[in-house]
Amino acid sequence: MISVVVPLYNEQESLPTLHAELERVFAPGTFGPVEYLFVDDGSRDGSWSVIQGLARPDPKVRGIRFRRNFGKAAALTAGFEAARGAIVFTLDGDLQDDPAEIPRFLERLSQGFDVVNGWKRIRHDPWHKIYPSRVFNGMISALTGCRLHDHNCGFKAYRGEVLREVGIYGELHRFVPVLAHARGFRVCEIEVHHRARRFGSSKYGVARLVTGLLDLVTVRFLTRFNQRPLHVMGATGLVMFLLGGLGMLYLAILWMDPANRPIGDRPLLIYSAVLLGVGTQLVSLGILAELVTSYNIRVEDTYSIAETIEPRQASPVEDAEALEAR
């Protein structure tokens, strides 16, 4: 089965057209069983009524409705948990993602990839969204090693096992390919047709840039130091402690020489004391983080198994024949 997860917020005008386009792509006998899972993230218009209307004649339509707006990551998480397909697509409900691209995603999955990310090479968005997005995507690729042109694209395809291993929260939905890449899954991208918005307005503003940068720091930490927080905090703390100690040693040597002026009014004394104090605190926090991590971590979170081979167990009949032969 293929599951198509559509997170939406105030998209009542777009939903009938989106459903009709999905129906054309998944015509009977084309790709096998399919389900359309619309996740209403607390819409204040008639989106839920439209979803109910689509579900009455079409058993492939399923719906989830939040009591209020919890954000796209929460909507995707609910959709992923409810999806029954071995392959899961995500696309936005504003009609800017073209469902006609879905066969191309499936073709790339059939080539052995686990995640296929869309790339809106030609975007129909305002310039103040396009250029910051390009800078942001470059930073993500450079810092995480998962080199994609459009991490923010909501049009993606996943194998089911990816979503079972990679958990998201907050605003980390745009980093699922990065988190999957960090666990060893094969990630690729394809160019997709991006359409201009026909109804409503964008739900994202300038604040998204700030939260995106903070989320990037989170992802960098999760992909590099999730199992070893002491390595980042302890290393920084040790460097600061060493610099502070060297500063104090230098001042102690000066203090023992009576020909030098007193060291109490030297700025180096303050800097060295601060470095010693902060370095000690960082090392202590790193040790505490290691204790918390070791208490809460599950063993299976430390690795990702692709497949296994088990020896074939002999049947009772084969065992009896072997015993008789002996």
Protein backbone atom coordinates (compact mmCIF):
# COMPACT_ATOMS: atom_id res chain seq x y z
CA MET A 1 0.00 0.00 0.00
CA ILE A 2 1.01 3.60 -0.64
CA SER A 3 0.04 6.25 1.90
CA VAL A 4 -0.21 9.91 0.94
CA VAL A 5 -0.03 12.14 4.02
CA VAL A 6 -1.27 15.70 3.51
CA PRO A 7 -0.83 18.12 6.45
CA LEU A 8 -3.03 21.17 6.01
CA TYR A 9 -4.20 24.32 7.69
CA ASN A 10 -7.06 26.40 6.27
CA GLU A 11 -6.99 24.88 2.78
CA GLN A 12 -10.68 24.24 2.09
CA GLU A 13 -10.54 25.64 -1.46
CA SER A 14 -7.57 23.43 -2.47
CA LEU A 15 -8.69 20.05 -1.13
CA PRO A 16 -11.24 19.01 -3.82
CA THR A 17 -8.74 19.80 -6.59
CA LEU A 18 -5.93 17.99 -4.76
CA HIS A 19 -8.10 14.92 -4.26
CA ALA A 20 -9.06 14.89 -7.95
CA GLU A 21 -5.39 15.12 -8.99
CA LEU A 22 -4.46 12.25 -6.66
CA GLU A 23 -7.26 10.17 -8.12
CA ARG A 24 -5.87 10.70 -11.62
CA VAL A 25 -2.41 9.59 -10.52
CA PHE A 26 -3.65 6.54 -8.60
CA ALA A 27 -6.17 5.36 -11.16
CA PRO A 28 -7.38 1.78 -10.54
CA GLY A 29 -4.78 -0.78 -11.55
CA THR A 30 -1.92 1.73 -11.65
CA PHE A 31 0.04 1.32 -8.41
CA GLY A 32 -2.05 -0.98 -6.26
CA PRO A 33 -3.80 -0.02 -3.00
CA VAL A 34 -3.50 3.57 -1.81
CA GLU A 35 -4.83 5.76 0.99
CA TYR A 36 -5.08 9.54 1.28
CA LEU A 37 -4.54 10.70 4.84
CA PHE A 38 -5.52 14.35 5.38
CA VAL A 39 -4.33 15.79 8.70
CA ASP A 40 -6.24 18.95 9.63
CA ASP A 41 -3.92 20.96 11.88
CA GLY A 42 -6.68 22.88 13.68
CA SER A 43 -8.09 24.72 10.64
CA ARG A 44 -10.54 27.54 11.30
CA ASP A 45 -12.25 27.39 7.93
CA GLY A 46 -14.30 24.56 6.45
CA SER A 47 -11.38 22.22 5.72
CA TRP A 48 -12.66 19.44 7.96
CA SER A 49 -16.12 19.56 6.38
CA VAL A 50 -14.49 19.21 2.95
CA ILE A 51 -12.48 16.20 4.16
CA GLN A 52 -15.65 14.61 5.51
CA GLY A 53 -17.33 15.21 2.17
CA LEU A 54 -14.46 13.58 0.28
CA ALA A 55 -14.44 10.55 2.60
CA ARG A 56 -18.14 9.69 2.13
CA PRO A 57 -17.90 8.41 -1.46
CA ASP A 58 -14.20 7.48 -1.39
CA PRO A 59 -13.07 4.81 1.12
CA LYS A 60 -9.43 5.67 0.35
CA VAL A 61 -9.80 9.01 2.16
CA ARG A 62 -8.95 9.10 5.85
CA GLY A 63 -8.82 12.13 8.10
CA ILE A 64 -7.30 13.30 11.38
CA ARG A 65 -8.36 16.55 13.03
CA PHE A 66 -6.45 18.41 15.76
CA ARG A 67 -8.30 20.45 18.35
CA ARG A 68 -5.99 23.40 17.66
CA ASN A 69 -2.99 24.29 15.52
CA PHE A 70 0.00 22.26 16.77
CA GLY A 71 2.34 22.79 13.81
CA LYS A 72 3.37 20.84 10.75
CA ALA A 73 5.71 18.48 12.61
CA ALA A 74 2.87 17.33 14.86
CA ALA A 75 0.59 16.88 11.84
CA LEU A 76 3.19 14.81 10.00
CA THR A 77 3.90 12.71 13.10
CA ALA A 78 0.20 11.90 13.48
CA GLY A 79 0.02 11.06 9.81
CA PHE A 80 3.09 8.83 9.95
CA GLU A 81 1.71 6.93 12.94
CA ALA A 82 -1.64 6.37 11.22
CA ALA A 83 -0.23 5.53 7.77
CA ARG A 84 -0.53 1.89 6.77
CA GLY A 85 1.53 1.98 3.60
CA ALA A 86 4.96 0.50 2.96
CA ILE A 87 5.72 3.73 1.08
CA VAL A 88 4.66 7.11 2.48
CA PHE A 89 4.40 10.33 0.50
CA THR A 90 4.11 13.79 2.01
CA LEU A 91 2.93 16.84 0.13
CA ASP A 92 1.36 20.12 1.14
CA GLY A 93 -2.32 20.81 0.74
CA ASP A 94 -1.93 24.16 -1.05
CA LEU A 95 -1.64 22.68 -4.59
CA GLN A 96 1.93 23.97 -5.04
CA ASP A 97 3.15 20.35 -5.10
CA ASP A 98 2.10 18.53 -8.27
CA PRO A 99 0.87 14.94 -7.62
CA ALA A 100 1.74 14.08 -11.24
CA GLU A 101 5.38 13.83 -10.05
CA ILE A 102 4.59 10.81 -7.84
CA PRO A 103 5.56 8.14 -10.44
CA ARG A 104 9.03 9.69 -10.69
CA PHE A 105 9.44 9.40 -6.91
CA LEU A 106 8.43 5.73 -7.07
CA GLU A 107 10.94 5.12 -9.83
CA ARG A 108 13.78 6.45 -7.65
CA LEU A 109 12.61 4.35 -4.71
CA SER A 110 12.69 1.28 -6.95
CA GLN A 111 16.38 2.02 -7.61
CA GLY A 112 17.23 1.29 -3.98
CA PHE A 113 16.84 4.67 -2.31
CA ASP A 114 15.02 5.00 1.01
CA VAL A 115 14.17 8.71 0.93
CA VAL A 116 13.44 10.82 -2.16
CA ASN A 117 13.37 14.57 -1.57
CA GLY A 118 11.77 17.04 -3.96
CA TRP A 119 13.76 19.97 -5.34
CA LYS A 120 11.80 23.03 -6.40
CA ARG A 121 14.47 24.32 -8.74
CA ILE A 122 12.10 26.93 -10.22
CA ARG A 123 10.06 28.36 -7.36
CA HIS A 124 6.95 30.51 -7.59
CA ASP A 125 7.45 32.24 -4.26
CA PRO A 126 8.39 35.81 -3.27
CA TRP A 127 12.11 36.67 -3.37
CA HIS A 128 12.24 37.21 0.39
CA LYS A 129 11.44 33.50 0.80
CA ILE A 130 13.61 32.15 -2.01
CA TYR A 131 17.02 33.68 -1.23
CA PRO A 132 17.04 33.05 2.55
CA SER A 133 15.93 29.50 1.78
CA ARG A 134 18.92 28.98 -0.53
CA VAL A 135 21.34 30.19 2.14
CA PHE A 136 19.63 28.00 4.72
CA ASN A 137 19.76 24.92 2.50
CA GLY A 138 23.46 25.51 1.86
CA MET A 139 24.14 25.69 5.60
CA ILE A 140 22.24 22.45 6.25
CA SER A 141 24.13 20.59 3.53
CA ALA A 142 27.50 21.87 4.72
CA LEU A 143 26.93 21.14 8.41
CA THR A 144 25.18 17.77 8.15
CA GLY A 145 26.76 16.17 5.06
CA CYS A 146 23.32 15.44 3.59
CA ARG A 147 23.63 17.49 0.41
CA LEU A 148 20.21 18.47 -0.92
CA HIS A 149 19.20 21.62 -2.75
CA ASP A 150 15.81 21.99 -1.06
CA HIS A 151 15.54 20.59 2.45
CA ASN A 152 12.39 22.65 3.02
CA CYS A 153 10.44 21.01 0.20
CA GLY A 154 7.38 19.27 1.63
CA PHE A 155 7.12 16.86 -1.30
CA LYS A 156 8.95 13.70 -0.18
CA ALA A 157 8.70 9.93 -0.38
CA TYR A 158 9.83 7.52 2.32
CA ARG A 159 10.06 3.83 2.87
CA GLY A 160 8.09 2.83 5.94
CA GLU A 161 11.14 1.66 7.91
CA VAL A 162 12.63 5.15 7.72
CA LEU A 163 9.70 6.70 9.54
CA ARG A 164 9.69 3.91 12.12
CA GLU A 165 13.29 4.73 13.06
CA VAL A 166 13.41 8.51 12.73
CA GLY A 167 11.35 10.45 15.27
CA ILE A 168 10.49 14.11 14.82
CA TYR A 169 9.23 16.80 17.16
CA GLY A 170 9.12 20.57 17.32
CA GLU A 171 9.94 21.83 13.81
CA LEU A 172 12.24 19.01 12.74
CA HIS A 173 9.97 17.78 9.94
CA ARG A 174 12.12 19.53 7.33
CA PHE A 175 15.17 17.59 8.59
CA VAL A 176 13.81 14.05 8.25
CA PRO A 177 16.12 13.31 5.25
CA VAL A 178 19.08 14.58 7.31
CA LEU A 179 18.16 12.41 10.28
CA ALA A 180 17.62 9.42 7.97
CA HIS A 181 20.98 10.04 6.28
CA ALA A 182 22.66 10.08 9.71
CA ARG A 183 21.24 6.60 10.38
CA GLY A 184 22.59 5.20 7.12
CA PHE A 185 19.54 5.36 4.86
CA ARG A 186 20.07 6.24 1.20
CA VAL A 187 18.76 9.72 0.36
CA CYS A 188 18.42 11.34 -3.06
CA GLU A 189 16.48 14.17 -4.68
CA ILE A 190 14.63 14.86 -7.91
CA GLU A 191 13.52 18.11 -9.51
CA VAL A 192 9.79 18.70 -9.17
CA HIS A 193 7.33 21.04 -10.78
CA HIS A 194 6.46 23.84 -8.37
CA ARG A 195 3.19 25.66 -8.95
CA ALA A 196 2.09 29.10 -7.86
CA ARG A 197 -0.33 29.28 -4.94
CA ARG A 198 -3.93 29.50 -6.15
CA PHE A 199 -5.81 29.89 -2.88
CA GLY A 200 -5.09 31.43 0.51
CA SER A 201 -1.71 32.67 1.70
CA SER A 202 1.52 31.24 3.07
CA LYS A 203 1.46 30.19 6.72
CA TYR A 204 5.15 30.99 7.30
CA GLY A 205 6.79 34.32 8.05
CA VAL A 206 10.16 35.78 8.97
CA ALA A 207 10.10 34.00 12.33
CA ARG A 208 10.60 30.74 10.45
CA LEU A 209 14.20 31.77 9.64
CA VAL A 210 15.05 32.18 13.32
CA THR A 211 13.44 28.90 14.34
CA GLY A 212 15.10 27.20 11.38
CA LEU A 213 18.56 28.25 12.54
CA LEU A 214 17.86 27.00 16.05
CA ASP A 215 16.52 23.73 14.66
CA LEU A 216 19.68 23.40 12.58
CA VAL A 217 21.76 23.57 15.78
CA THR A 218 19.50 20.88 17.26
CA VAL A 219 19.89 18.61 14.24
CA ARG A 220 23.65 19.12 14.20
CA PHE A 221 23.79 18.03 17.83
CA LEU A 222 21.41 15.08 17.31
CA THR A 223 23.30 13.73 14.31
CA ARG A 224 26.79 14.12 15.79
CA PHE A 225 26.57 14.03 19.57
CA ASN A 226 23.22 12.45 20.45
CA GLN A 227 24.87 9.48 22.16
CA ARG A 228 27.92 11.37 23.47
CA PRO A 229 27.02 14.85 24.76
CA LEU A 230 30.19 15.01 26.85
CA HIS A 231 32.25 15.11 23.64
CA VAL A 232 30.88 18.51 22.65
CA MET A 233 30.40 20.15 26.05
CA GLY A 234 33.38 18.47 27.67
CA ALA A 235 35.74 19.33 24.81
CA THR A 236 34.69 22.99 24.86
CA GLY A 237 34.94 23.05 28.65
CA LEU A 238 38.41 21.50 28.65
CA VAL A 239 39.71 24.03 26.14
CA MET A 240 38.34 26.91 28.22
CA PHE A 241 39.69 25.37 31.42
CA LEU A 242 43.14 24.95 29.83
CA LEU A 243 43.23 28.55 28.60
CA GLY A 244 42.11 29.83 31.99
CA GLY A 245 44.71 27.70 33.76
CA LEU A 246 47.49 28.97 31.50
CA GLY A 247 46.40 32.54 32.18
CA MET A 248 46.44 31.95 35.92
CA LEU A 249 49.86 30.26 35.73
CA TYR A 250 51.26 33.25 33.84
CA LEU A 251 49.85 35.65 36.45
CA ALA A 252 51.24 33.50 39.28
CA ILE A 253 54.72 33.74 37.75
CA LEU A 254 54.39 37.51 37.51
CA TRP A 255 53.12 37.73 41.09
CA MET A 256 56.21 35.95 42.43
CA ASP A 257 58.46 38.56 40.80
CA PRO A 258 58.56 41.60 43.13
CA ALA A 259 59.67 43.83 40.27
CA ASN A 260 56.27 43.52 38.55
CA ARG A 261 53.22 45.57 39.46
CA PRO A 262 50.33 43.84 41.30
CA ILE A 263 48.18 41.50 39.20
CA GLY A 264 44.84 42.43 40.80
CA ASP A 265 44.09 45.16 38.23
CA ARG A 266 45.04 43.11 35.17
CA PRO A 267 42.15 42.18 32.80
CA LEU A 268 43.80 38.81 32.23
CA LEU A 269 42.91 37.85 35.81
CA ILE A 270 39.20 38.33 35.15
CA TYR A 271 39.33 36.55 31.79
CA SER A 272 41.23 33.59 33.24
CA ALA A 273 38.85 33.27 36.21
CA VAL A 274 35.82 33.31 33.89
CA LEU A 275 37.36 30.70 31.60
CA LEU A 276 38.11 28.44 34.54
CA GLY A 277 34.61 28.78 35.95
CA VAL A 278 32.75 28.31 32.67
CA GLY A 279 35.04 25.45 31.63
CA THR A 280 34.36 23.64 34.89
CA GLN A 281 30.61 24.11 34.48
CA LEU A 282 30.62 22.79 30.89
CA VAL A 283 32.53 19.66 31.87
CA SER A 284 30.13 19.11 34.78
CA LEU A 285 27.08 19.58 32.50
CA GLY A 286 28.58 17.16 29.99
CA ILE A 287 28.99 14.50 32.68
CA LEU A 288 25.40 15.02 33.84
CA ALA A 289 24.18 14.79 30.23
CA GLU A 290 26.05 11.51 29.82
CA LEU A 291 24.37 10.14 32.94
CA VAL A 292 20.92 11.13 31.65
CA THR A 293 21.67 9.70 28.21
CA SER A 294 22.93 6.40 29.59
CA TYR A 295 19.78 6.09 31.71
CA ASN A 296 17.27 6.85 28.95
CA ILE A 297 18.90 5.51 25.82
CA ARG A 298 17.64 2.33 24.22
CA VAL A 299 20.27 0.01 22.82
CA GLU A 300 18.57 -0.10 19.40
CA ASP A 301 18.85 3.69 19.13
CA THR A 302 22.61 3.40 18.72
CA TYR A 303 22.54 1.61 15.38
CA SER A 304 20.37 0.94 12.32
CA ILE A 305 20.04 -2.58 10.88
CA ALA A 306 19.46 -2.84 7.13
CA GLU A 307 18.79 -6.59 6.95
CA THR A 308 19.75 -9.87 8.59
CA ILE A 309 20.37 -13.46 7.50
CA GLU A 310 19.32 -16.25 9.82
CA PRO A 311 20.22 -19.95 9.39
CA ARG A 312 17.32 -22.01 8.11
CA GLN A 313 15.73 -24.14 10.79
CA ALA A 314 15.29 -27.78 9.85
CA SER A 315 11.74 -29.10 9.96
CA PRO A 316 10.79 -32.03 12.26
CA VAL A 317 10.60 -34.32 9.20
CA GLU A 318 14.15 -33.38 8.14
CA ASP A 319 15.40 -33.96 11.68
CA ALA A 320 13.84 -37.43 11.72
CA GLU A 321 15.37 -38.31 8.35
CA ALA A 322 18.82 -37.17 9.52
CA LEU A 323 18.50 -39.24 12.71
CA GLU A 324 17.46 -42.32 10.70
CA ALA A 325 20.42 -41.86 8.33
CA ARG A 326 22.84 -41.82 11.26
